[in-house]
């Protein structure tokens, strides 16, 4: 329950900071003014909080998933095939969590490259398109990597694809 309260508190702080950020942004109009610089700091702080929130959420999902898998893997009354399936499923879920973590970290990396105090001087569509293209490429690469390592495996260690080729 303590983790839930921590995540909720982090989310509330993040939401409040976002409200302040956009309120200041709309009043200041951006630019390299003291308010614009303060806005930039606030924006970067919000990104830090958002990243912490995502990291905690992914960590909690991973812990929950492993606890659930451990319950089934520890049950000696289950057929070996079922326990093997649980093990492979756990590996696949780990890879999915890692892919999501990589995706989110690349999103935050791209968002950090947008400087709020300079944003009004840039065409908005250009900024968003560059971010989307970069994130799309990184996500595709991550998913291809995850798909390559998630090939179904037989219990003797051979992939199903290798078994069919023989």
Foldseek 3Di string as FASTA:
>chain_A
DVLVVVLVVLVVVLVVLVVVLVVLCVVVVAAPDPSNVVSQVSQLVSLVSVLVSLVSVLVVVLVVLVVVLCVVLVPPVDDPVVNVVSVLVNVLVVLVSVLVNQLSVLLSVLSNVDGRNCVVVDPPVVSVVVSVVSSVVSSVVSVVVSVVVSADADPVGHGPVVVVVD
